[in-house]
Amino acid sequence: MTLFNTQTLKHLVIIMLLVLVSGCSGTSANGTGSIAAKLAWRTSKVAVKGVAALPAAPAGVVTVRIIISGSGMTTMQQDFAASAGTGSISGVPVGGSRTVTVRGLDSSGAVLYEGAVGNITVQQGLTTDAGTITMLPLAAPDAPSGLSATAVSISQINLAWTDASVTETGFKIERKTGSGGTYAQINTAAANAVSYADTGLTAATTYYYRVRATNSAGDSGYTVEAHATTPTIQLPKTGQTISQAAGDDGALQKGVAWPSPRFTDNSNGTVTDNLTGLVWLKNANCTDTAGVPKASGYLTWYDAMNWCNNLAAGVCGLSDGSTAGQWRLPNRNELQSLVDRSQYSPALPSGHPFTGVQGTRYYWSSSSIVVDSSNAWVMEPVYGSMMVGGPGWGDKMTVNYVWPVRAGQ
């Protein structure tokens, strides 16, 4: 271990001196020491015979960043003006395997030069000479490796890779469709990132990916290509079992089979649909006794939206612990998911556990009609048809039945 000696400086070509000094010496094992280091700036990564290191930071370097890291300590970082020639960081913890990393930054904060020295031991109350840190022009970062692609839904693929560089400022993510497609950059990821979620994809489509790191010196090479295929949309069976015409649902029997049992009575005023995971109010006509303005269980669309949002345990036979804001008026797709095309009046799966299901009027959905927002979609429970609004039944100021739903737990 060589302790810093100012008398050796005059024999060095390097003029710029960075001294990293502790704030106190102390006497305990938790005390601090000092590190001294000298910087030699080179304009080429390869030393040329007869060409000495530059005596000061090269043109373009306006900030020198010092980073001290090591086992059992919090990484320390400090920036200094390159023109100052010296700088200090106080409170370097004692211990071995310390690393000093120095970076030369331009006015935008981009790294132009970098150097490091490691395996430094900081001693209690002493200054350790870390020697000369050669500052080399920043090269393009090392390429990331181990790229993997995993389809997690019909519209999302997750990427993961190993970051092999410490000098990247980010990653460029490229994608193509099909093995014969052309790659195009779709996004970037921040420095040190090791994953990316690609969303908004098309079902049943194979996507290919490659990733490279980047910094102010350029781009790395690419990872090995990775690909994944988004799954096919899995639609459930409609429930129709008798064919009325060639090629209809009754004949083809396409779709995912329903779970058995289809519904679970939770014995707390709710029913879970095991096909969709949605939780429904067991009483399909609870507003008839809910103490809200109505006529024979009917509510306007606006009252229905408000009533569902305020529904909570303690009414309608609910003992599920639900609170206001968890329940809502179902959208048209959620309402239609209850329908069994093989059943009639009501068009619900045989043996369903619901009570109070009405068959003489419609059930509100939260879905407005696109071309006329004063009307909403409704479900006709006898046949299970979804119908657009119309005078007397879809107009939001008229009254219909209400069947609240909430997400599964």
Protein backbone atom coordinates (compact mmCIF):
# COMPACT_ATOMS: atom_id res chain seq x y z
CA MET A 1 0.00 0.00 0.00
CA THR A 2 1.53 3.31 -1.09
CA LEU A 3 0.48 6.36 0.85
CA PHE A 4 0.10 9.62 -0.99
CA ASN A 5 3.31 11.68 -1.11
CA THR A 6 3.20 15.17 -2.62
CA GLN A 7 6.90 14.95 -3.50
CA THR A 8 6.18 12.42 -6.23
CA LEU A 9 3.87 14.74 -8.14
CA LYS A 10 6.58 16.81 -9.80
CA HIS A 11 7.90 13.72 -11.57
CA LEU A 12 4.56 12.94 -13.23
CA VAL A 13 3.46 14.17 -16.63
CA ILE A 14 -0.09 14.44 -15.38
CA ILE A 15 -0.95 17.86 -14.10
CA MET A 16 -4.59 17.45 -13.07
CA LEU A 17 -4.84 16.17 -9.50
CA LEU A 18 -8.05 14.95 -7.89
CA VAL A 19 -7.85 14.40 -4.14
CA LEU A 20 -10.73 12.58 -2.46
CA VAL A 21 -10.48 13.54 1.20
CA SER A 22 -12.33 12.25 4.26
CA GLY A 23 -14.18 14.59 6.53
CA CYS A 24 -12.76 13.17 9.74
CA SER A 25 -10.24 10.57 10.81
CA GLY A 26 -11.83 9.11 13.94
CA THR A 27 -10.59 6.10 15.80
CA SER A 28 -13.35 3.54 15.40
CA ALA A 29 -13.75 0.80 12.81
CA ASN A 30 -16.51 2.93 11.30
CA GLY A 31 -14.18 5.88 10.64
CA THR A 32 -13.06 7.35 7.35
CA GLY A 33 -9.91 7.76 5.33
CA SER A 34 -8.78 9.42 2.12
CA ILE A 35 -7.97 8.46 -1.45
CA ALA A 36 -5.73 10.46 -3.77
CA ALA A 37 -5.65 9.87 -7.52
CA LYS A 38 -4.18 11.55 -10.60
CA LEU A 39 -5.81 11.66 -14.01
CA ALA A 40 -4.10 11.12 -17.35
CA TRP A 41 -6.29 12.10 -20.30
CA ARG A 42 -5.66 10.37 -23.62
CA THR A 43 -7.29 11.17 -26.94
CA SER A 44 -6.92 7.59 -28.14
CA LYS A 45 -7.78 4.32 -26.44
CA VAL A 46 -4.40 2.99 -27.60
CA ALA A 47 -1.23 4.62 -26.22
CA VAL A 48 1.02 5.99 -28.98
CA LYS A 49 4.78 5.94 -28.46
CA GLY A 50 6.13 9.44 -27.86
CA VAL A 51 2.68 10.94 -27.21
CA ALA A 52 2.19 11.83 -23.57
CA ALA A 53 -1.10 12.06 -21.77
CA LEU A 54 -2.76 15.46 -21.92
CA PRO A 55 -1.87 17.72 -18.98
CA ALA A 56 -5.48 18.79 -18.47
CA ALA A 57 -8.99 17.79 -19.45
CA PRO A 58 -9.48 17.79 -23.25
CA ALA A 59 -11.64 20.34 -25.01
CA GLY A 60 -15.32 19.63 -24.52
CA VAL A 61 -14.97 18.19 -21.02
CA VAL A 62 -16.54 20.70 -18.63
CA THR A 63 -17.39 18.47 -15.67
CA VAL A 64 -15.48 15.73 -13.89
CA ARG A 65 -17.66 13.23 -12.02
CA ILE A 66 -16.11 11.10 -9.28
CA ILE A 67 -17.89 7.96 -8.09
CA ILE A 68 -16.68 5.88 -5.14
CA SER A 69 -18.25 2.48 -4.60
CA GLY A 70 -17.54 -0.71 -2.74
CA SER A 71 -18.89 -3.43 -0.50
CA GLY A 72 -20.63 -2.27 2.66
CA MET A 73 -20.82 1.40 1.68
CA THR A 74 -23.28 3.69 -0.02
CA THR A 75 -22.03 4.79 -3.42
CA MET A 76 -20.69 8.36 -3.27
CA GLN A 77 -20.79 10.77 -6.21
CA GLN A 78 -19.61 14.33 -6.70
CA ASP A 79 -19.25 16.60 -9.74
CA PHE A 80 -16.49 19.19 -10.17
CA ALA A 81 -15.72 21.79 -12.81
CA ALA A 82 -12.93 20.42 -15.02
CA SER A 83 -11.28 23.84 -15.03
CA ALA A 84 -10.80 23.72 -11.24
CA GLY A 85 -8.08 21.12 -11.52
CA THR A 86 -8.82 19.56 -8.13
CA GLY A 87 -11.78 18.31 -6.16
CA SER A 88 -12.60 16.43 -3.01
CA ILE A 89 -15.21 14.13 -1.52
CA SER A 90 -15.43 13.88 2.24
CA GLY A 91 -16.19 10.87 4.40
CA VAL A 92 -14.87 7.88 2.43
CA PRO A 93 -15.60 4.86 4.69
CA VAL A 94 -12.69 2.65 5.68
CA GLY A 95 -12.57 -0.78 4.11
CA GLY A 96 -11.20 -2.77 1.20
CA SER A 97 -12.26 -3.29 -2.40
CA ARG A 98 -13.14 0.36 -2.98
CA THR A 99 -13.45 1.48 -6.61
CA VAL A 100 -12.97 5.01 -7.94
CA THR A 101 -14.69 5.71 -11.26
CA VAL A 102 -14.10 9.05 -12.97
CA ARG A 103 -16.06 10.39 -15.93
CA GLY A 104 -15.53 13.44 -18.07
CA LEU A 105 -18.84 15.03 -19.11
CA ASP A 106 -19.68 17.62 -21.73
CA SER A 107 -22.03 20.56 -21.15
CA SER A 108 -25.09 18.38 -21.81
CA GLY A 109 -24.04 15.76 -19.27
CA ALA A 110 -23.02 13.19 -21.88
CA VAL A 111 -20.01 11.06 -20.94
CA LEU A 112 -17.00 11.69 -23.20
CA TYR A 113 -14.21 10.06 -21.16
CA GLU A 114 -14.07 7.44 -18.47
CA GLY A 115 -11.49 5.76 -16.27
CA ALA A 116 -11.47 3.68 -13.10
CA VAL A 117 -9.21 2.07 -10.54
CA GLY A 118 -10.30 -0.65 -8.15
CA ASN A 119 -9.27 -2.82 -5.24
CA ILE A 120 -8.37 0.20 -3.09
CA THR A 121 -8.13 -0.15 0.68
CA VAL A 122 -9.10 2.94 2.67
CA GLN A 123 -7.33 3.12 6.05
CA GLN A 124 -8.39 4.89 9.19
CA GLY A 125 -7.20 8.51 9.13
CA LEU A 126 -4.75 7.90 6.23
CA THR A 127 -4.63 8.91 2.59
CA THR A 128 -4.12 6.11 0.06
CA ASP A 129 -2.49 6.90 -3.27
CA ALA A 130 -4.63 5.17 -5.90
CA GLY A 131 -2.08 5.98 -8.58
CA THR A 132 -2.93 7.26 -12.03
CA ILE A 133 -6.35 6.82 -13.56
CA THR A 134 -6.07 6.83 -17.34
CA MET A 135 -9.03 8.67 -18.85
CA LEU A 136 -9.91 7.15 -22.21
CA PRO A 137 -12.41 8.37 -24.81
CA LEU A 138 -15.74 6.73 -24.19
CA ALA A 139 -16.38 3.84 -26.52
CA ALA A 140 -19.74 2.51 -27.62
CA PRO A 141 -21.16 0.34 -24.82
CA ASP A 142 -20.93 -3.43 -24.74
CA ALA A 143 -23.90 -5.19 -26.27
CA PRO A 144 -26.60 -6.52 -23.94
CA SER A 145 -27.14 -10.26 -23.97
CA GLY A 146 -29.65 -12.95 -23.15
CA LEU A 147 -32.68 -11.29 -24.77
CA SER A 148 -35.93 -13.15 -24.15
CA ALA A 149 -39.47 -12.42 -25.30
CA THR A 150 -42.57 -13.70 -23.49
CA ALA A 151 -46.18 -13.20 -24.58
CA VAL A 152 -48.25 -12.41 -21.48
CA SER A 153 -51.55 -11.57 -23.19
CA ILE A 154 -53.10 -11.16 -26.61
CA SER A 155 -51.73 -7.61 -26.74
CA GLN A 156 -48.49 -7.62 -24.72
CA ILE A 157 -45.02 -9.18 -24.95
CA ASN A 158 -42.46 -8.69 -22.18
CA LEU A 159 -38.76 -8.42 -23.05
CA ALA A 160 -35.86 -9.11 -20.69
CA TRP A 161 -32.10 -8.90 -21.21
CA THR A 162 -28.79 -8.71 -19.35
CA ASP A 163 -27.07 -5.32 -19.17
CA ALA A 164 -23.40 -5.94 -20.01
CA SER A 165 -22.20 -2.31 -19.90
CA VAL A 166 -21.77 0.44 -17.33
CA THR A 167 -21.49 3.27 -19.84
CA GLU A 168 -24.77 3.13 -21.73
CA THR A 169 -27.17 6.05 -21.57
CA GLY A 170 -30.06 3.91 -22.72
CA PHE A 171 -31.23 1.05 -24.91
CA LYS A 172 -32.81 1.04 -28.36
CA ILE A 173 -35.57 -1.52 -28.87
CA GLU A 174 -36.37 -2.70 -32.38
CA ARG A 175 -39.19 -4.91 -33.62
CA LYS A 176 -40.41 -6.55 -36.78
CA THR A 177 -43.42 -8.68 -37.65
CA GLY A 178 -42.63 -12.07 -39.12
CA SER A 179 -39.20 -13.54 -39.79
CA GLY A 180 -38.95 -11.78 -43.14
CA GLY A 181 -39.96 -8.34 -41.92
CA THR A 182 -37.83 -5.22 -41.55
CA TYR A 183 -36.71 -4.03 -38.14
CA ALA A 184 -37.73 -0.59 -36.93
CA GLN A 185 -37.04 1.10 -33.61
CA ILE A 186 -40.21 1.20 -31.51
CA ASN A 187 -38.95 2.74 -28.28
CA THR A 188 -36.04 3.31 -25.93
CA ALA A 189 -35.33 2.20 -22.37
CA ALA A 190 -33.34 4.04 -19.73
CA ALA A 191 -29.76 3.28 -18.71
CA ASN A 192 -29.47 0.14 -16.56
CA ALA A 193 -32.88 -1.11 -17.73
CA VAL A 194 -33.17 -4.88 -18.13
CA SER A 195 -36.78 -5.20 -19.28
CA TYR A 196 -39.44 -3.63 -21.49
CA ALA A 197 -43.18 -4.27 -21.97
CA ASP A 198 -44.37 -3.98 -25.57
CA THR A 199 -48.12 -3.30 -25.54
CA GLY A 200 -50.90 -2.64 -28.03
CA LEU A 201 -50.07 -5.74 -30.08
CA THR A 202 -52.30 -7.85 -32.30
CA ALA A 203 -53.48 -11.30 -31.25
CA ALA A 204 -52.08 -14.41 -32.96
CA THR A 205 -49.09 -12.52 -34.37
CA THR A 206 -45.38 -13.36 -34.14
CA TYR A 207 -43.12 -10.44 -33.23
CA TYR A 208 -39.32 -10.42 -33.47
CA TYR A 209 -37.09 -8.21 -31.32
CA ARG A 210 -33.51 -7.08 -30.93
CA VAL A 211 -31.99 -4.61 -28.45
CA ARG A 212 -28.77 -2.59 -28.39
CA ALA A 213 -27.21 -0.23 -25.88
CA THR A 214 -26.28 3.34 -26.77
CA ASN A 215 -24.27 6.29 -25.49
CA SER A 216 -22.72 9.45 -26.89
CA ALA A 217 -19.97 7.42 -28.56
CA GLY A 218 -22.40 5.29 -30.54
CA ASP A 219 -24.42 2.10 -30.42
CA SER A 220 -23.43 -1.37 -29.29
CA GLY A 221 -24.00 -4.47 -31.30
CA TYR A 222 -27.41 -6.12 -31.18
CA THR A 223 -28.57 -8.88 -28.92
CA VAL A 224 -29.38 -12.20 -30.47
CA GLU A 225 -32.88 -12.00 -31.95
CA ALA A 226 -35.80 -13.16 -29.80
CA HIS A 227 -39.42 -13.70 -30.77
CA ALA A 228 -42.80 -14.51 -29.27
CA THR A 229 -46.31 -15.05 -30.59
CA THR A 230 -49.33 -13.41 -29.00
CA PRO A 231 -52.07 -15.94 -28.24
CA THR A 232 -55.29 -16.27 -30.16
CA ILE A 233 -58.28 -14.50 -28.67
CA GLN A 234 -60.06 -17.08 -26.52
CA LEU A 235 -63.80 -16.53 -26.86
CA PRO A 236 -66.12 -18.63 -24.69
CA LYS A 237 -68.84 -20.82 -26.15
CA THR A 238 -72.16 -19.06 -26.65
CA GLY A 239 -74.14 -21.84 -24.97
CA GLN A 240 -76.14 -22.66 -28.12
CA THR A 241 -76.39 -26.45 -28.41
CA ILE A 242 -79.08 -26.87 -31.08
CA SER A 243 -78.26 -25.90 -34.65
CA GLN A 244 -80.82 -23.75 -36.45
CA ALA A 245 -78.78 -23.37 -39.64
CA ALA A 246 -75.60 -24.78 -41.14
CA GLY A 247 -72.47 -23.17 -39.73
CA ASP A 248 -74.11 -21.57 -36.70
CA ASP A 249 -72.85 -21.81 -33.11
CA GLY A 250 -75.00 -24.82 -32.39
CA ALA A 251 -73.34 -26.73 -35.23
CA LEU A 252 -69.74 -25.59 -34.88
CA GLN A 253 -69.49 -25.53 -31.07
CA LYS A 254 -66.50 -23.23 -31.27
CA GLY A 255 -65.05 -21.42 -28.30
CA VAL A 256 -63.65 -22.19 -24.89
CA ALA A 257 -65.77 -24.57 -22.83
CA TRP A 258 -67.45 -23.08 -19.79
CA PRO A 259 -66.10 -24.05 -16.39
CA SER A 260 -68.08 -26.40 -14.19
CA PRO A 261 -69.64 -25.10 -12.12
CA ARG A 262 -70.19 -21.96 -14.12
CA PHE A 263 -71.13 -19.94 -11.02
CA THR A 264 -70.17 -20.00 -7.35
CA ASP A 265 -72.62 -18.73 -4.73
CA ASN A 266 -70.34 -17.01 -2.22
CA SER A 267 -73.02 -17.08 0.52
CA ASN A 268 -72.50 -13.37 1.16
CA GLY A 269 -74.94 -11.85 -1.30
CA THR A 270 -72.58 -12.23 -4.25
CA VAL A 271 -72.05 -14.75 -7.06
CA THR A 272 -68.74 -15.30 -8.85
CA ASP A 273 -68.82 -16.09 -12.57
CA ASN A 274 -66.06 -18.67 -12.94
CA LEU A 275 -65.82 -17.96 -16.66
CA THR A 276 -65.04 -14.25 -16.44
CA GLY A 277 -64.01 -13.84 -12.81
CA LEU A 278 -66.59 -11.09 -12.34
CA VAL A 279 -68.56 -10.87 -9.09
CA TRP A 280 -72.27 -10.12 -9.44
CA LEU A 281 -74.92 -9.09 -6.95
CA LYS A 282 -76.92 -12.25 -6.30
CA ASN A 283 -80.23 -10.35 -6.16
CA ALA A 284 -80.86 -9.12 -9.70
CA ASN A 285 -83.60 -6.74 -8.54
CA CYS A 286 -82.28 -5.35 -5.30
CA THR A 287 -83.24 -1.74 -6.04
CA ASP A 288 -86.82 -2.74 -5.39
CA THR A 289 -85.97 -2.67 -1.67
CA ALA A 290 -82.94 -0.37 -1.65
CA GLY A 291 -84.67 2.79 -0.51
CA VAL A 292 -84.00 4.83 -3.65
CA PRO A 293 -86.54 6.68 -5.83
CA LYS A 294 -87.91 4.14 -8.27
CA ALA A 295 -90.94 2.53 -9.75
CA SER A 296 -91.19 -1.25 -9.29
CA GLY A 297 -87.42 -1.68 -9.17
CA TYR A 298 -86.72 0.60 -12.12
CA LEU A 299 -84.09 3.35 -12.20
CA THR A 300 -83.08 5.86 -14.81
CA TRP A 301 -79.62 5.29 -16.30
CA TYR A 302 -78.20 8.18 -14.28
CA ASP A 303 -79.71 6.90 -11.01
CA ALA A 304 -78.52 3.38 -11.86
CA MET A 305 -74.92 4.57 -12.32
CA ASN A 306 -75.03 6.46 -9.04
CA TRP A 307 -76.75 3.70 -7.09
CA CYS A 308 -74.27 1.03 -8.20
CA ASN A 309 -71.30 3.21 -7.31
CA ASN A 310 -72.68 3.71 -3.80
CA LEU A 311 -73.63 0.09 -3.16
CA ALA A 312 -71.84 -1.45 -0.15
CA ALA A 313 -72.11 -4.29 2.34
CA GLY A 314 -75.10 -3.99 4.66
CA VAL A 315 -77.79 -3.74 1.99
CA CYS A 316 -79.13 -6.16 -0.62
CA GLY A 317 -78.04 -9.09 1.54
CA LEU A 318 -74.39 -8.15 1.14
CA SER A 319 -71.98 -9.31 3.84
CA ASP A 320 -68.90 -9.36 1.62
CA GLY A 321 -67.20 -6.34 3.18
CA SER A 322 -67.51 -4.36 -0.04
CA THR A 323 -67.44 -0.57 0.15
CA ALA A 324 -68.82 2.27 -1.92
CA GLY A 325 -66.91 2.64 -5.16
CA GLN A 326 -66.26 -1.06 -5.70
CA TRP A 327 -69.56 -1.82 -7.40
CA ARG A 328 -70.56 -0.43 -10.79
CA LEU A 329 -73.08 -0.74 -13.58
CA PRO A 330 -71.79 -3.44 -15.98
CA ASN A 331 -70.85 -2.59 -19.55
CA ARG A 332 -72.64 -4.29 -22.43
CA ASN A 333 -69.98 -7.01 -22.87
CA GLU A 334 -70.14 -7.92 -19.20
CA LEU A 335 -73.92 -8.18 -19.28
CA GLN A 336 -73.81 -10.28 -22.43
CA SER A 337 -71.26 -12.64 -20.86
CA LEU A 338 -74.05 -13.95 -18.61
CA VAL A 339 -76.20 -15.08 -21.54
CA ASP A 340 -76.71 -18.74 -22.43
CA ARG A 341 -78.15 -18.98 -25.95
CA SER A 342 -79.65 -22.38 -25.21
CA GLN A 343 -81.88 -20.93 -22.49
CA TYR A 344 -84.99 -18.77 -22.54
CA SER A 345 -86.73 -16.43 -20.12
CA PRO A 346 -84.28 -15.83 -18.64
CA ALA A 347 -81.45 -16.60 -21.05
CA LEU A 348 -79.06 -17.56 -18.27
CA PRO A 349 -77.15 -20.83 -17.75
CA SER A 350 -79.27 -23.60 -16.29
CA GLY A 351 -78.97 -23.90 -12.52
CA HIS A 352 -77.71 -20.36 -12.03
CA PRO A 353 -77.92 -19.19 -8.38
CA PHE A 354 -79.25 -15.67 -9.02
CA THR A 355 -82.53 -14.43 -7.54
CA GLY A 356 -84.93 -11.73 -8.68
CA VAL A 357 -84.01 -11.99 -12.38
CA GLN A 358 -86.66 -10.03 -14.29
CA GLY A 359 -88.16 -10.98 -17.62
CA THR A 360 -90.58 -8.17 -18.39
CA ARG A 361 -88.22 -5.28 -19.06
CA TYR A 362 -84.58 -4.49 -19.82
CA TYR A 363 -81.37 -4.27 -17.77
CA TRP A 364 -79.18 -1.20 -18.07
CA SER A 365 -75.56 -1.36 -19.21
CA SER A 366 -73.11 1.47 -18.62
CA SER A 367 -72.30 1.59 -22.36
CA SER A 368 -73.64 4.63 -24.17
CA ILE A 369 -74.64 4.58 -27.82
CA VAL A 370 -71.79 6.11 -29.84
CA VAL A 371 -74.02 8.03 -32.25
CA ASP A 372 -76.41 9.21 -29.53
CA SER A 373 -75.04 9.53 -26.00
CA SER A 374 -78.52 10.20 -24.62
CA ASN A 375 -79.20 6.48 -25.09
CA ALA A 376 -77.48 3.38 -23.69
CA TRP A 377 -77.27 -0.32 -24.51
CA VAL A 378 -79.69 -2.56 -22.65
CA MET A 379 -80.04 -6.34 -22.26
CA GLU A 380 -83.35 -8.01 -22.94
CA PRO A 381 -83.29 -10.97 -20.49
CA VAL A 382 -85.88 -13.23 -22.16
CA TYR A 383 -83.67 -13.97 -25.18
CA GLY A 384 -80.47 -12.40 -23.86
CA SER A 385 -80.29 -9.89 -26.70
CA MET A 386 -78.28 -6.69 -26.42
CA MET A 387 -80.26 -3.81 -27.85
CA VAL A 388 -79.44 -0.25 -28.74
CA GLY A 389 -81.39 2.50 -27.10
CA GLY A 390 -84.76 3.53 -28.37
CA PRO A 391 -87.74 5.57 -27.25
CA GLY A 392 -89.22 4.22 -24.05
CA TRP A 393 -86.47 1.72 -23.18
CA GLY A 394 -82.93 2.88 -24.07
CA ASP A 395 -83.33 6.58 -23.43
CA LYS A 396 -81.27 7.32 -20.32
CA MET A 397 -84.18 9.19 -18.76
CA THR A 398 -86.46 6.18 -18.94
CA VAL A 399 -86.33 3.44 -16.30
CA ASN A 400 -84.93 -0.12 -16.43
CA TYR A 401 -83.65 -2.80 -14.06
CA VAL A 402 -80.18 -2.70 -12.52
CA TRP A 403 -77.71 -5.54 -11.92
CA PRO A 404 -74.45 -4.38 -10.26
CA VAL A 405 -71.07 -6.03 -10.81
CA ARG A 406 -67.56 -5.68 -9.41
CA ALA A 407 -64.14 -7.09 -10.16
CA GLY A 408 -63.09 -10.40 -8.67
CA GLN A 409 -60.79 -10.54 -5.64
